[in-house]
C-alpha cells in the first residue's frame, strides 16, 4: 500500500492509533525477542484493526541490538491491506537500508525521521547536534521521497531532562522544517512525560493553526501518569493520530539512557477502551484487546502495566456515550480530521 486513499485511516474511524509495541516498546527491553515472535505480534496487531504499526528500526545493532533483524523481519512479515508498517530511521544510512529492502520487495511503506527539540538530547540520543541532524533530515527526506510515507518526529517537544522547558516557537519551527522537506505527518513527542493537558492542547492548536497542511500525531509517554489525560486534551485540540503500546511498554533504548522511572508509552488497551466508551471509533477489535495483552505479556515474560488488562473492559462501552465534535455537536466525531 502506497497511497492514503486505500488506507484503513480513511475507513470511517474517528482516530488513528499506531501500535508501537514492536519498536518503541522493545527498544527499552533488556532482552531480545525472536524474529518469529515479533512477526507474530505485529501481524496480530494488524489483524485486529490497527491502521499503522511500528514494525522495526534501522538502528545500529551495536547500539540497539533489539533490531539487528530489521531486514529479516520485514522479509518474513505478512502484509495486510490498508496498513502502514513503519520503520524508524535515524540517519541516511538507515534510509539507504530501507530503500534496499523496498527494492527487494520486502520493505516498510512508512518511515520516521527523528529530530530532538533540544541540542543536549540530540547529542545524547543521536550523537549529533541539532544543526547536523537537520542536514541529515533533508538528505534523508530527499533520498526517500516518493518511496515511503514520511513521518517526522520531534522528540522532547514539551520538555527536556537536560535543558528543562522547551521553546514552543522552536518546536513549531521544526514542524515547518519538516514540511519544507516534504514531510507532511509530524509527531510531537512527550518523550519523558513532562507535558500537561494545558501544554498539550496549546502546542497542538498552535501546530494546526500554523501548518494546517501537516497531519499532527501525538506520541506521549506515561511517565507521570498523565498520558491519557494529555491525549484527551490533544483530541479536543483536533488531533486524530495517536501512538500507543500494549501494556504501556517502551522508552529510551537500553544503551542510550535518559529520564528514569516509568518510561513507557500510553497504554493501548486503556486508551482504546476509553475512546470506545466515549463513542470515539478506533477501528480496533475490542474483543481481541485482552488476548493481545496476554500475547505481549507471554512474549516478555511478565505482567505489564495496563489497568484494563487487570480490571476488564468498561462494561458501559456497548452503550457508548454520544461522541461530540470539538464544537460540541452531539452525534458527530469529536476528533476532527486535521
Protein backbone atom coordinates (compact mmCIF):
# COMPACT_ATOMS: atom_id res chain seq x y z
CA UNK A 1 0.00 0.00 0.00
CA UNK A 2 1.39 3.35 -1.03
CA UNK A 3 -1.49 5.81 -1.08
CA UNK A 4 -3.70 7.19 1.67
CA UNK A 5 -6.89 6.59 -0.35
CA UNK A 6 -6.69 2.85 0.34
CA UNK A 7 -5.56 3.19 3.94
CA UNK A 8 -7.61 1.98 6.88
CA UNK A 9 -7.16 5.54 8.18
CA UNK A 10 -10.00 6.55 5.86
CA UNK A 11 -12.45 3.76 6.69
CA UNK A 12 -14.67 5.85 8.98
CA UNK A 13 -12.75 5.54 12.24
CA UNK A 14 -12.59 8.74 14.29
CA UNK A 15 -9.00 8.31 15.46
CA UNK A 16 -5.97 6.52 14.02
CA UNK A 17 -3.82 4.62 16.50
CA UNK A 18 -0.28 3.43 15.80
CA UNK A 19 0.72 0.35 17.80
CA UNK A 20 4.33 0.86 18.95
CA UNK A 21 4.99 -2.29 20.99
CA UNK A 22 7.33 -3.90 18.45
CA UNK A 23 9.61 -0.87 18.10
CA UNK A 24 9.39 1.81 20.81
CA UNK A 25 8.30 -0.87 23.24
CA UNK A 26 11.00 -3.44 22.57
CA UNK A 27 13.90 -0.97 22.37
CA UNK A 28 13.57 -0.45 26.12
CA UNK A 29 13.64 -4.16 26.92
CA UNK A 30 16.91 -5.67 28.16
CA UNK A 31 16.27 -8.94 26.36
CA UNK A 32 15.54 -9.69 22.72
CA UNK A 33 12.53 -11.40 21.18
CA UNK A 34 12.97 -13.84 18.35
CA UNK A 35 12.12 -12.62 14.87
CA UNK A 36 9.30 -15.17 14.69
CA UNK A 37 7.77 -13.82 17.90
CA UNK A 38 7.96 -10.24 16.65
CA UNK A 39 6.42 -11.15 13.30
CA UNK A 40 3.54 -12.95 15.03
CA UNK A 41 2.84 -9.97 17.30
CA UNK A 42 2.97 -7.40 14.51
CA UNK A 43 0.61 -9.45 12.38
CA UNK A 44 -1.72 -9.84 15.36
CA UNK A 45 -1.82 -6.05 15.74
CA UNK A 46 -2.62 -5.57 12.05
CA UNK A 47 -5.28 -8.30 12.15
CA UNK A 48 -7.14 -6.59 14.99
CA UNK A 49 -7.56 -3.37 13.05
CA UNK A 50 -4.58 -1.06 13.52
CA UNK A 51 -4.04 1.19 10.51
CA UNK A 52 -0.42 1.88 11.49
CA UNK A 53 2.04 -0.47 13.21
CA UNK A 54 5.63 0.26 14.16
CA UNK A 55 7.47 -2.78 12.84
CA UNK A 56 11.17 -2.16 13.41
CA UNK A 57 14.04 0.31 13.37
CA UNK A 58 17.06 0.51 11.09
CA UNK A 59 19.30 1.14 14.09
CA UNK A 60 22.95 0.41 14.58
CA UNK A 61 22.86 -3.10 16.09
CA UNK A 62 25.81 -2.22 18.31
CA UNK A 63 23.66 0.45 19.96
CA UNK A 64 20.17 -1.05 19.69
CA UNK A 65 20.63 -4.81 19.25
CA UNK A 66 16.89 -5.47 19.53
CA UNK A 67 16.53 -4.54 15.82
CA UNK A 68 19.53 -6.30 14.31
CA UNK A 69 16.97 -8.42 12.43
CA UNK A 70 15.17 -5.46 10.78
CA UNK A 71 15.53 -6.63 7.19
CA UNK A 72 14.82 -10.28 8.03
CA UNK A 73 11.71 -9.30 9.99
CA UNK A 74 10.36 -7.23 7.10
CA UNK A 75 11.08 -10.09 4.69
CA UNK A 76 9.02 -12.51 6.79
CA UNK A 77 6.22 -10.12 7.76
CA UNK A 78 2.82 -10.73 6.10
CA UNK A 79 1.23 -7.55 4.73
CA UNK A 80 -2.42 -6.77 5.32
CA UNK A 81 -4.27 -4.37 3.00
CA UNK A 82 -4.62 -0.80 4.18
CA UNK A 83 -1.92 -0.97 6.87
CA UNK A 84 1.14 1.25 7.17
CA UNK A 85 4.13 -0.70 8.53
CA UNK A 86 6.63 1.80 9.89
CA UNK A 87 10.39 1.58 10.26
CA UNK A 88 12.36 4.20 12.18
CA UNK A 89 15.38 5.81 10.52
CA UNK A 90 17.86 7.92 12.47
CA UNK A 91 20.29 8.73 9.65
CA UNK A 92 20.92 8.49 5.91
CA UNK A 93 22.44 5.02 6.22
CA UNK A 94 19.17 3.83 7.76
CA UNK A 95 17.19 5.28 4.83
CA UNK A 96 19.54 3.55 2.41
CA UNK A 97 18.80 0.25 4.16
CA UNK A 98 15.07 0.96 3.93
CA UNK A 99 15.40 1.69 0.22
CA UNK A 100 17.36 -1.54 -0.36
CA UNK A 101 14.65 -3.56 1.37
CA UNK A 102 11.95 -1.75 -0.61
CA UNK A 103 13.80 -2.50 -3.85
CA UNK A 104 13.89 -6.15 -2.82
CA UNK A 105 10.10 -6.11 -2.34
CA UNK A 106 10.14 -6.53 1.43
CA UNK A 107 10.36 -3.00 2.80
CA UNK A 108 8.30 -0.83 5.07
CA UNK A 109 5.81 1.57 3.48
CA UNK A 110 6.27 4.28 6.10
CA UNK A 111 9.47 5.55 7.70
CA UNK A 112 10.00 8.01 10.51
CA UNK A 113 12.74 10.62 10.66
CA UNK A 114 13.89 11.83 14.07
CA UNK A 115 14.97 15.19 15.43
CA UNK A 116 15.27 16.41 19.01
CA UNK A 117 13.88 19.74 20.14
CA UNK A 118 16.99 20.32 22.28
CA UNK A 119 20.65 20.11 21.41
CA UNK A 120 21.56 18.21 24.58
CA UNK A 121 19.10 15.42 23.84
CA UNK A 122 20.15 15.33 20.19
CA UNK A 123 23.76 14.71 21.22
CA UNK A 124 22.70 12.04 23.71
CA UNK A 125 20.18 10.21 21.53
CA UNK A 126 21.53 10.72 18.01
CA UNK A 127 25.20 11.54 18.68
CA UNK A 128 24.98 14.72 16.61
CA UNK A 129 23.92 18.32 17.07
CA UNK A 130 20.52 19.60 16.06
CA UNK A 131 22.08 21.50 13.17
CA UNK A 132 23.81 18.38 11.91
CA UNK A 133 20.66 16.30 12.31
CA UNK A 134 18.63 18.78 10.28
CA UNK A 135 21.17 18.44 7.48
CA UNK A 136 20.70 14.69 7.85
CA UNK A 137 16.90 15.03 7.75
CA UNK A 138 16.96 16.98 4.49
CA UNK A 139 19.21 14.39 2.86
CA UNK A 140 17.09 11.53 4.21
CA UNK A 141 13.82 13.06 3.04
CA UNK A 142 15.27 13.73 -0.39
CA UNK A 143 16.53 10.16 -0.73
CA UNK A 144 13.24 8.64 0.44
CA UNK A 145 10.87 11.00 -1.40
CA UNK A 146 8.11 9.15 -3.23
CA UNK A 147 9.13 5.73 -1.91
CA UNK A 148 7.55 5.82 1.54
CA UNK A 149 5.14 7.88 3.54
CA UNK A 150 7.38 10.06 5.67
CA UNK A 151 6.67 10.83 9.33
CA UNK A 152 8.75 13.39 11.19
CA UNK A 153 9.17 13.11 14.95
CA UNK A 154 10.16 15.98 17.23
CA UNK A 155 11.40 14.40 20.47
CA UNK A 156 11.37 16.39 23.73
CA UNK A 157 8.74 18.72 22.26
CA UNK A 158 7.26 19.51 25.69
CA UNK A 159 10.29 19.45 27.96
CA UNK A 160 13.78 18.01 28.27
CA UNK A 161 15.57 16.34 31.22
CA UNK A 162 18.77 18.17 30.24
CA UNK A 163 17.53 21.64 29.29
CA UNK A 164 14.16 21.96 31.04
CA UNK A 165 11.39 23.88 29.29
CA UNK A 166 11.43 23.89 25.51
CA UNK A 167 10.70 26.97 23.43
CA UNK A 168 7.33 26.38 21.73
CA UNK A 169 8.39 28.61 18.86
CA UNK A 170 11.34 26.34 18.12
CA UNK A 171 9.14 23.24 18.14
CA UNK A 172 6.75 24.87 15.66
CA UNK A 173 9.73 25.90 13.54
CA UNK A 174 10.79 22.23 13.48
CA UNK A 175 7.34 21.30 12.16
CA UNK A 176 7.86 23.86 9.42
CA UNK A 177 11.30 22.48 8.61
CA UNK A 178 9.79 19.01 8.22
CA UNK A 179 7.07 20.39 5.95
CA UNK A 180 9.67 22.19 3.84
CA UNK A 181 11.47 18.85 3.45
CA UNK A 182 8.26 17.23 2.16
CA UNK A 183 7.30 15.51 5.43
CA UNK A 184 3.56 16.06 5.95
CA UNK A 185 2.95 13.88 9.01
CA UNK A 186 4.70 15.13 12.17
CA UNK A 187 4.62 13.61 15.64
CA UNK A 188 5.25 15.76 18.69
CA UNK A 189 6.89 13.61 21.33
CA UNK A 190 6.44 13.98 25.08
CA UNK A 191 9.48 11.80 25.45
CA UNK A 192 9.89 11.87 29.22
CA UNK A 193 6.35 12.69 30.33
CA UNK A 194 6.60 16.40 31.13
CA UNK A 195 3.51 17.61 29.24
CA UNK A 196 0.24 18.62 30.85
CA UNK A 197 -3.22 18.73 29.28
CA UNK A 198 -2.88 22.50 29.03
CA UNK A 199 0.51 22.43 27.30
CA UNK A 200 -0.53 19.55 25.04
CA UNK A 201 -3.64 21.34 23.83
CA UNK A 202 -1.82 24.64 23.35
CA UNK A 203 1.03 23.19 21.30
CA UNK A 204 -1.20 21.12 19.05
CA UNK A 205 -3.55 24.05 18.48
CA UNK A 206 -0.54 26.15 17.57
CA UNK A 207 0.70 23.47 15.19
CA UNK A 208 -2.66 23.06 13.46
CA UNK A 209 -3.02 26.82 13.10
CA UNK A 210 0.49 27.40 11.75
CA UNK A 211 0.64 24.32 9.50
CA UNK A 212 -2.88 23.18 8.54
CA UNK A 213 -1.45 21.01 5.76
CA UNK A 214 0.59 18.90 8.21
CA UNK A 215 -1.06 15.95 9.99
CA UNK A 216 -0.34 16.16 13.75
CA UNK A 217 0.48 12.96 15.64
CA UNK A 218 0.62 12.68 19.43
CA UNK A 219 3.42 10.46 20.76
CA UNK A 220 3.33 10.69 24.55
CA UNK A 221 4.94 8.67 27.31
CA UNK A 222 3.07 7.99 30.53
CA UNK A 223 5.99 8.66 32.84
CA UNK A 224 3.92 10.51 35.45
CA UNK A 225 0.51 9.00 34.79
CA UNK A 226 -0.69 11.93 32.69
CA UNK A 227 -0.51 10.33 29.24
CA UNK A 228 -4.21 9.62 28.72
CA UNK A 229 -5.24 13.00 30.16
CA UNK A 230 -2.85 14.65 27.71
CA UNK A 231 -4.30 12.61 24.85
CA UNK A 232 -7.81 13.75 25.76
CA UNK A 233 -6.58 17.34 25.60
CA UNK A 234 -4.94 16.67 22.23
CA UNK A 235 -8.18 15.09 21.00
CA UNK A 236 -10.10 18.23 21.97
CA UNK A 237 -7.45 20.27 20.13
CA UNK A 238 -8.27 18.37 16.91
CA UNK A 239 -5.59 15.68 16.89
CA UNK A 240 -6.69 12.46 15.20
CA UNK A 241 -3.48 10.37 15.23
CA UNK A 242 -2.13 8.84 18.46
CA UNK A 243 0.74 6.47 19.23
CA UNK A 244 0.42 3.84 21.95
CA UNK A 245 1.86 0.50 23.05
CA UNK A 246 0.30 -2.58 24.61
CA UNK A 247 0.96 -2.83 28.31
CA UNK A 248 2.42 0.70 28.38
CA UNK A 249 5.87 -0.58 27.45
CA UNK A 250 8.64 1.47 25.88
CA UNK A 251 11.12 4.26 26.43
CA UNK A 252 14.67 5.09 25.53
CA UNK A 253 16.96 2.36 24.15
CA UNK A 254 18.55 0.39 26.98
CA UNK A 255 22.04 1.52 25.95
CA UNK A 256 21.09 5.19 25.45
CA UNK A 257 19.70 6.25 28.81
CA UNK A 258 17.89 9.48 29.69
CA UNK A 259 14.99 10.09 32.02
CA UNK A 260 14.06 7.49 34.61
CA UNK A 261 11.30 5.73 36.47
CA UNK A 262 8.37 4.52 34.40
CA UNK A 263 9.27 5.32 30.81
CA UNK A 264 6.52 3.60 28.85
CA UNK A 265 4.11 4.76 26.18
CA UNK A 266 0.45 5.47 26.70
CA UNK A 267 -1.13 2.05 27.18
CA UNK A 268 -3.02 0.76 24.14
CA UNK A 269 -5.70 -1.27 25.88
CA UNK A 270 -6.54 1.53 28.30
CA UNK A 271 -6.67 4.12 25.53
CA UNK A 272 -8.81 2.02 23.18
CA UNK A 273 -11.24 1.18 25.98
CA UNK A 274 -11.61 4.85 26.91
CA UNK A 275 -12.06 6.03 23.34
CA UNK A 276 -14.63 3.37 22.52
CA UNK A 277 -16.59 4.03 25.72
CA UNK A 278 -16.63 7.73 24.77
CA UNK A 279 -18.05 6.84 21.36
CA UNK A 280 -14.80 7.69 19.58
CA UNK A 281 -14.32 4.95 16.99
CA UNK A 282 -10.81 3.45 16.87
CA UNK A 283 -11.34 0.73 14.28
CA UNK A 284 -9.79 -1.75 16.72
CA UNK A 285 -11.46 -5.07 17.56
CA UNK A 286 -12.05 -4.64 21.30
CA UNK A 287 -12.80 -8.35 21.58
CA UNK A 288 -9.16 -9.04 20.70
CA UNK A 289 -7.63 -6.49 23.10
CA UNK A 290 -7.11 -8.65 26.16
CA UNK A 291 -5.80 -11.60 24.16
CA UNK A 292 -3.26 -9.25 22.58
CA UNK A 293 -2.14 -8.13 26.04
CA UNK A 294 -1.75 -11.77 27.06
CA UNK A 295 0.40 -12.41 23.99
CA UNK A 296 2.61 -9.40 24.78
CA UNK A 297 2.97 -10.46 28.41
CA UNK A 298 3.85 -14.00 27.36
CA UNK A 299 6.47 -12.67 24.94
CA UNK A 300 8.12 -10.52 27.63
CA UNK A 301 7.59 -12.96 30.47
CA UNK A 302 5.99 -10.54 32.90
CA UNK A 303 2.78 -8.74 33.79
CA UNK A 304 2.54 -5.37 32.05
CA UNK A 305 1.21 -2.01 33.25
CA UNK A 306 -2.27 -1.67 31.74
CA UNK A 307 -5.27 -1.18 34.01
CA UNK A 308 -7.83 -2.67 31.63
CA UNK A 309 -5.88 -5.94 31.46
CA UNK A 310 -6.42 -6.35 35.20
CA UNK A 311 -9.88 -4.75 35.61
CA UNK A 312 -11.55 -5.71 32.34
CA UNK A 313 -13.08 -3.61 29.59
CA UNK A 314 -15.55 -0.93 30.62
CA UNK A 315 -18.95 -2.67 30.81
CA UNK A 316 -20.64 0.52 29.56
CA UNK A 317 -18.78 0.62 26.25
CA UNK A 318 -21.60 -1.24 24.48
CA UNK A 319 -23.81 1.76 25.23
CA UNK A 320 -21.12 4.29 24.34
CA UNK A 321 -21.56 7.97 25.07
CA UNK A 322 -22.61 10.03 22.03
CA UNK A 323 -19.42 11.47 20.58
CA UNK A 324 -19.08 15.22 20.18
CA UNK A 325 -17.21 17.37 17.74
CA UNK A 326 -14.78 19.99 19.09
CA UNK A 327 -17.67 22.43 18.67
CA UNK A 328 -19.87 20.28 20.90
CA UNK A 329 -22.34 18.93 18.34
CA UNK A 330 -23.64 15.57 19.63
CA UNK A 331 -23.66 12.56 17.36
CA UNK A 332 -20.60 13.53 15.34
CA UNK A 333 -16.97 12.63 15.83
CA UNK A 334 -15.34 14.76 18.48
CA UNK A 335 -11.97 14.09 16.81
CA UNK A 336 -11.96 16.42 13.86
CA UNK A 337 -9.72 15.47 10.98
CA UNK A 338 -6.73 17.79 10.82
